[in-house]
Amino acid sequence: MKLFKTYQYTKVEKKFFKKHNDLLQKYATTLKKLQKDPFESSLKTHKLKGKLSDFYACSLTYEYRIILLIKIVDEELVLINIGTHDDVYQ
């Protein structure tokens, strides 16, 4: 699948990794897994509800999530947000 980052995501991603540089390797592994199979069990990908019902979330770690839009027809993954559980679901 193709992976895309929104402009907003790129800004949040840069800020996130200034604080969490230790997660860069885990992040790279997670992105590779997403591209191969976004529903791999280790990612814990799940559909969101409420105002984020168009999106999915996957786990980077127990504390941190990545919000994404999955377009199965076009085989695209669009990264929307990254951060703590509380931050990304606001």
N, C-alpha and C. Protein backbone atom coordinates (compact mmCIF):
# COMPACT_ATOMS: atom_id res chain seq x y z
N MET A 1 0.84 -1.18 0.00
CA MET A 1 0.00 0.00 0.00
C MET A 1 0.89 1.24 0.00
N LYS A 2 0.38 2.30 -0.59
CA LYS A 2 1.10 3.58 -0.62
C LYS A 2 0.83 4.32 0.68
N LEU A 3 1.85 5.00 1.16
CA LEU A 3 1.77 5.74 2.41
C LEU A 3 1.91 7.23 2.14
N PHE A 4 0.96 8.02 2.63
CA PHE A 4 0.99 9.47 2.45
C PHE A 4 0.91 10.14 3.81
N LYS A 5 1.56 11.28 3.92
CA LYS A 5 1.51 12.08 5.14
C LYS A 5 0.90 13.44 4.80
N THR A 6 -0.11 13.84 5.57
CA THR A 6 -0.69 15.16 5.36
C THR A 6 0.32 16.21 5.83
N TYR A 7 0.12 17.43 5.39
CA TYR A 7 0.99 18.53 5.82
C TYR A 7 0.94 18.67 7.34
N GLN A 8 -0.26 18.61 7.91
CA GLN A 8 -0.42 18.72 9.36
C GLN A 8 0.29 17.57 10.07
N TYR A 9 0.18 16.37 9.51
CA TYR A 9 0.85 15.21 10.11
C TYR A 9 2.36 15.42 10.14
N THR A 10 2.92 15.91 9.06
CA THR A 10 4.36 16.13 8.98
C THR A 10 4.82 17.09 10.07
N LYS A 11 4.04 18.13 10.32
CA LYS A 11 4.38 19.08 11.38
C LYS A 11 4.33 18.42 12.75
N VAL A 12 3.27 17.67 13.02
CA VAL A 12 3.11 17.00 14.31
C VAL A 12 4.18 15.92 14.48
N GLU A 13 4.48 15.20 13.41
CA GLU A 13 5.49 14.15 13.44
C GLU A 13 6.86 14.72 13.83
N LYS A 14 7.22 15.83 13.23
CA LYS A 14 8.51 16.46 13.52
C LYS A 14 8.59 16.86 15.00
N LYS A 15 7.54 17.48 15.49
CA LYS A 15 7.48 17.90 16.89
C LYS A 15 7.51 16.68 17.82
N PHE A 16 6.77 15.63 17.47
CA PHE A 16 6.70 14.42 18.27
C PHE A 16 8.07 13.78 18.43
N PHE A 17 8.84 13.68 17.33
CA PHE A 17 10.13 13.00 17.40
C PHE A 17 11.25 13.86 17.97
N LYS A 18 11.02 15.15 18.12
CA LYS A 18 11.97 15.96 18.89
C LYS A 18 11.94 15.52 20.35
N LYS A 19 10.76 15.14 20.83
CA LYS A 19 10.59 14.71 22.22
C LYS A 19 10.83 13.21 22.38
N HIS A 20 10.57 12.43 21.34
CA HIS A 20 10.60 10.97 21.45
C HIS A 20 11.53 10.35 20.41
N ASN A 21 12.74 10.84 20.36
CA ASN A 21 13.72 10.35 19.40
C ASN A 21 13.98 8.85 19.56
N ASP A 22 13.80 8.34 20.77
CA ASP A 22 14.03 6.93 21.05
C ASP A 22 13.02 6.01 20.34
N LEU A 23 11.94 6.57 19.81
CA LEU A 23 10.92 5.76 19.14
C LEU A 23 11.07 5.71 17.62
N LEU A 24 12.11 6.33 17.08
CA LEU A 24 12.27 6.38 15.63
C LEU A 24 12.38 5.00 14.99
N GLN A 25 13.13 4.09 15.58
CA GLN A 25 13.26 2.74 15.02
C GLN A 25 11.93 2.00 15.06
N LYS A 26 11.23 2.10 16.19
CA LYS A 26 9.91 1.47 16.34
C LYS A 26 8.94 2.05 15.30
N TYR A 27 9.01 3.35 15.09
CA TYR A 27 8.15 4.05 14.12
C TYR A 27 8.42 3.53 12.71
N ALA A 28 9.68 3.41 12.34
CA ALA A 28 10.03 2.91 11.00
C ALA A 28 9.48 1.50 10.80
N THR A 29 9.61 0.66 11.82
CA THR A 29 9.08 -0.70 11.75
C THR A 29 7.56 -0.69 11.61
N THR A 30 6.91 0.17 12.37
CA THR A 30 5.44 0.28 12.32
C THR A 30 4.98 0.72 10.94
N LEU A 31 5.65 1.70 10.34
CA LEU A 31 5.26 2.16 9.01
C LEU A 31 5.43 1.05 7.96
N LYS A 32 6.50 0.27 8.08
CA LYS A 32 6.70 -0.85 7.15
C LYS A 32 5.58 -1.88 7.28
N LYS A 33 5.21 -2.17 8.54
CA LYS A 33 4.11 -3.11 8.77
C LYS A 33 2.80 -2.58 8.21
N LEU A 34 2.55 -1.28 8.40
CA LEU A 34 1.33 -0.66 7.87
C LEU A 34 1.26 -0.81 6.36
N GLN A 35 2.37 -0.56 5.68
CA GLN A 35 2.38 -0.66 4.23
C GLN A 35 2.16 -2.09 3.75
N LYS A 36 2.70 -3.03 4.48
CA LYS A 36 2.55 -4.44 4.10
C LYS A 36 1.15 -4.95 4.38
N ASP A 37 0.66 -4.69 5.60
CA ASP A 37 -0.68 -5.14 5.99
C ASP A 37 -1.17 -4.26 7.14
N PRO A 38 -2.02 -3.26 6.87
CA PRO A 38 -2.45 -2.33 7.92
C PRO A 38 -3.25 -2.99 9.04
N PHE A 39 -3.68 -4.22 8.84
CA PHE A 39 -4.47 -4.91 9.87
C PHE A 39 -3.70 -6.03 10.55
N GLU A 40 -2.38 -6.01 10.43
CA GLU A 40 -1.55 -6.99 11.14
C GLU A 40 -1.85 -6.89 12.63
N SER A 41 -1.99 -8.01 13.28
CA SER A 41 -2.45 -8.03 14.68
C SER A 41 -1.56 -7.23 15.63
N SER A 42 -0.25 -7.17 15.39
CA SER A 42 0.63 -6.43 16.30
C SER A 42 0.40 -4.93 16.26
N LEU A 43 -0.22 -4.42 15.19
CA LEU A 43 -0.51 -2.99 15.08
C LEU A 43 -1.77 -2.59 15.85
N LYS A 44 -2.63 -3.56 16.12
CA LYS A 44 -3.89 -3.32 16.82
C LYS A 44 -4.73 -2.24 16.11
N THR A 45 -4.75 -2.29 14.79
CA THR A 45 -5.51 -1.33 14.00
C THR A 45 -7.00 -1.52 14.25
N HIS A 46 -7.68 -0.41 14.49
CA HIS A 46 -9.12 -0.48 14.75
C HIS A 46 -9.82 0.77 14.25
N LYS A 47 -11.07 0.61 13.88
CA LYS A 47 -11.92 1.71 13.39
C LYS A 47 -12.29 2.58 14.57
N LEU A 48 -12.30 3.89 14.35
CA LEU A 48 -12.67 4.83 15.41
C LEU A 48 -14.15 5.17 15.34
N LYS A 49 -14.64 5.76 16.41
CA LYS A 49 -16.05 6.13 16.50
C LYS A 49 -16.19 7.64 16.71
N GLY A 50 -17.42 8.10 16.67
CA GLY A 50 -17.69 9.52 16.93
C GLY A 50 -17.17 10.41 15.83
N LYS A 51 -16.60 11.55 16.22
CA LYS A 51 -16.15 12.54 15.22
C LYS A 51 -14.99 12.04 14.37
N LEU A 52 -14.33 10.97 14.80
CA LEU A 52 -13.22 10.39 14.04
C LEU A 52 -13.62 9.09 13.33
N SER A 53 -14.91 8.90 13.11
CA SER A 53 -15.41 7.63 12.58
C SER A 53 -14.94 7.30 11.16
N ASP A 54 -14.38 8.26 10.45
CA ASP A 54 -13.85 7.99 9.11
C ASP A 54 -12.44 7.42 9.16
N PHE A 55 -11.85 7.38 10.34
CA PHE A 55 -10.44 7.04 10.49
C PHE A 55 -10.22 5.75 11.27
N TYR A 56 -8.98 5.30 11.22
CA TYR A 56 -8.52 4.16 11.98
C TYR A 56 -7.38 4.62 12.89
N ALA A 57 -7.08 3.81 13.89
CA ALA A 57 -5.93 4.06 14.75
C ALA A 57 -5.11 2.78 14.83
N CYS A 58 -3.80 2.95 14.94
CA CYS A 58 -2.94 1.80 15.21
C CYS A 58 -1.98 2.19 16.32
N SER A 59 -1.42 1.20 16.96
CA SER A 59 -0.52 1.44 18.08
C SER A 59 0.92 1.57 17.61
N LEU A 60 1.58 2.62 18.09
CA LEU A 60 3.02 2.74 17.94
C LEU A 60 3.66 2.05 19.14
N THR A 61 3.16 2.41 20.32
CA THR A 61 3.49 1.75 21.58
C THR A 61 2.20 1.68 22.38
N TYR A 62 2.27 1.20 23.59
CA TYR A 62 1.07 1.16 24.43
C TYR A 62 0.50 2.56 24.63
N GLU A 63 1.38 3.54 24.76
CA GLU A 63 0.96 4.92 25.05
C GLU A 63 0.66 5.75 23.81
N TYR A 64 1.33 5.48 22.70
CA TYR A 64 1.25 6.34 21.52
C TYR A 64 0.50 5.67 20.38
N ARG A 65 -0.30 6.48 19.68
CA ARG A 65 -1.13 6.00 18.57
C ARG A 65 -0.84 6.80 17.29
N ILE A 66 -1.16 6.19 16.18
CA ILE A 66 -1.13 6.86 14.88
C ILE A 66 -2.55 6.79 14.33
N ILE A 67 -3.09 7.94 13.96
CA ILE A 67 -4.42 8.01 13.34
C ILE A 67 -4.21 8.03 11.82
N LEU A 68 -4.99 7.22 11.10
CA LEU A 68 -4.82 7.16 9.66
C LEU A 68 -6.14 6.93 8.95
N LEU A 69 -6.15 7.25 7.70
CA LEU A 69 -7.27 7.00 6.80
C LEU A 69 -6.81 5.88 5.87
N ILE A 70 -7.62 4.86 5.75
CA ILE A 70 -7.28 3.73 4.88
C ILE A 70 -8.23 3.74 3.69
N LYS A 71 -7.66 3.84 2.49
CA LYS A 71 -8.44 3.78 1.26
C LYS A 71 -8.10 2.47 0.57
N ILE A 72 -8.90 1.47 0.82
CA ILE A 72 -8.65 0.13 0.29
C ILE A 72 -8.68 0.11 -1.24
N VAL A 73 -9.61 0.82 -1.84
CA VAL A 73 -9.77 0.82 -3.30
C VAL A 73 -8.50 1.30 -3.98
N ASP A 74 -7.93 2.39 -3.47
CA ASP A 74 -6.72 2.96 -4.08
C ASP A 74 -5.44 2.42 -3.44
N GLU A 75 -5.59 1.53 -2.47
CA GLU A 75 -4.46 0.99 -1.72
C GLU A 75 -3.58 2.10 -1.17
N GLU A 76 -4.22 3.04 -0.45
CA GLU A 76 -3.51 4.17 0.13
C GLU A 76 -3.74 4.23 1.63
N LEU A 77 -2.70 4.64 2.34
CA LEU A 77 -2.77 4.93 3.76
C LEU A 77 -2.39 6.39 3.92
N VAL A 78 -3.24 7.18 4.54
CA VAL A 78 -2.97 8.60 4.75
C VAL A 78 -2.82 8.82 6.25
N LEU A 79 -1.62 9.19 6.67
CA LEU A 79 -1.37 9.42 8.09
C LEU A 79 -1.94 10.76 8.48
N ILE A 80 -2.69 10.80 9.60
CA ILE A 80 -3.42 11.98 10.02
C ILE A 80 -2.83 12.60 11.28
N ASN A 81 -2.49 11.78 12.28
CA ASN A 81 -2.01 12.32 13.56
C ASN A 81 -1.18 11.27 14.27
N ILE A 82 -0.30 11.74 15.16
CA ILE A 82 0.51 10.87 16.00
C ILE A 82 0.63 11.50 17.37
N GLY A 83 0.57 10.71 18.41
CA GLY A 83 0.72 11.23 19.76
C GLY A 83 0.16 10.28 20.79
N THR A 84 -0.01 10.79 22.01
CA THR A 84 -0.56 9.96 23.07
C THR A 84 -2.01 9.65 22.78
N HIS A 85 -2.51 8.66 23.46
CA HIS A 85 -3.91 8.25 23.31
C HIS A 85 -4.83 9.46 23.49
N ASP A 86 -4.64 10.24 24.53
CA ASP A 86 -5.49 11.40 24.80
C ASP A 86 -5.33 12.50 23.75
N ASP A 87 -4.10 12.73 23.29
CA ASP A 87 -3.86 13.80 22.31
C ASP A 87 -4.52 13.53 20.96
N VAL A 88 -4.41 12.32 20.46
CA VAL A 88 -4.90 12.04 19.11
C VAL A 88 -6.41 11.90 19.03
N TYR A 89 -7.06 11.63 20.15
CA TYR A 89 -8.52 11.45 20.12
C TYR A 89 -9.29 12.70 20.50
N GLN A 90 -8.63 13.84 20.56
CA GLN A 90 -9.33 15.09 20.89
C GLN A 90 -10.04 15.65 19.70
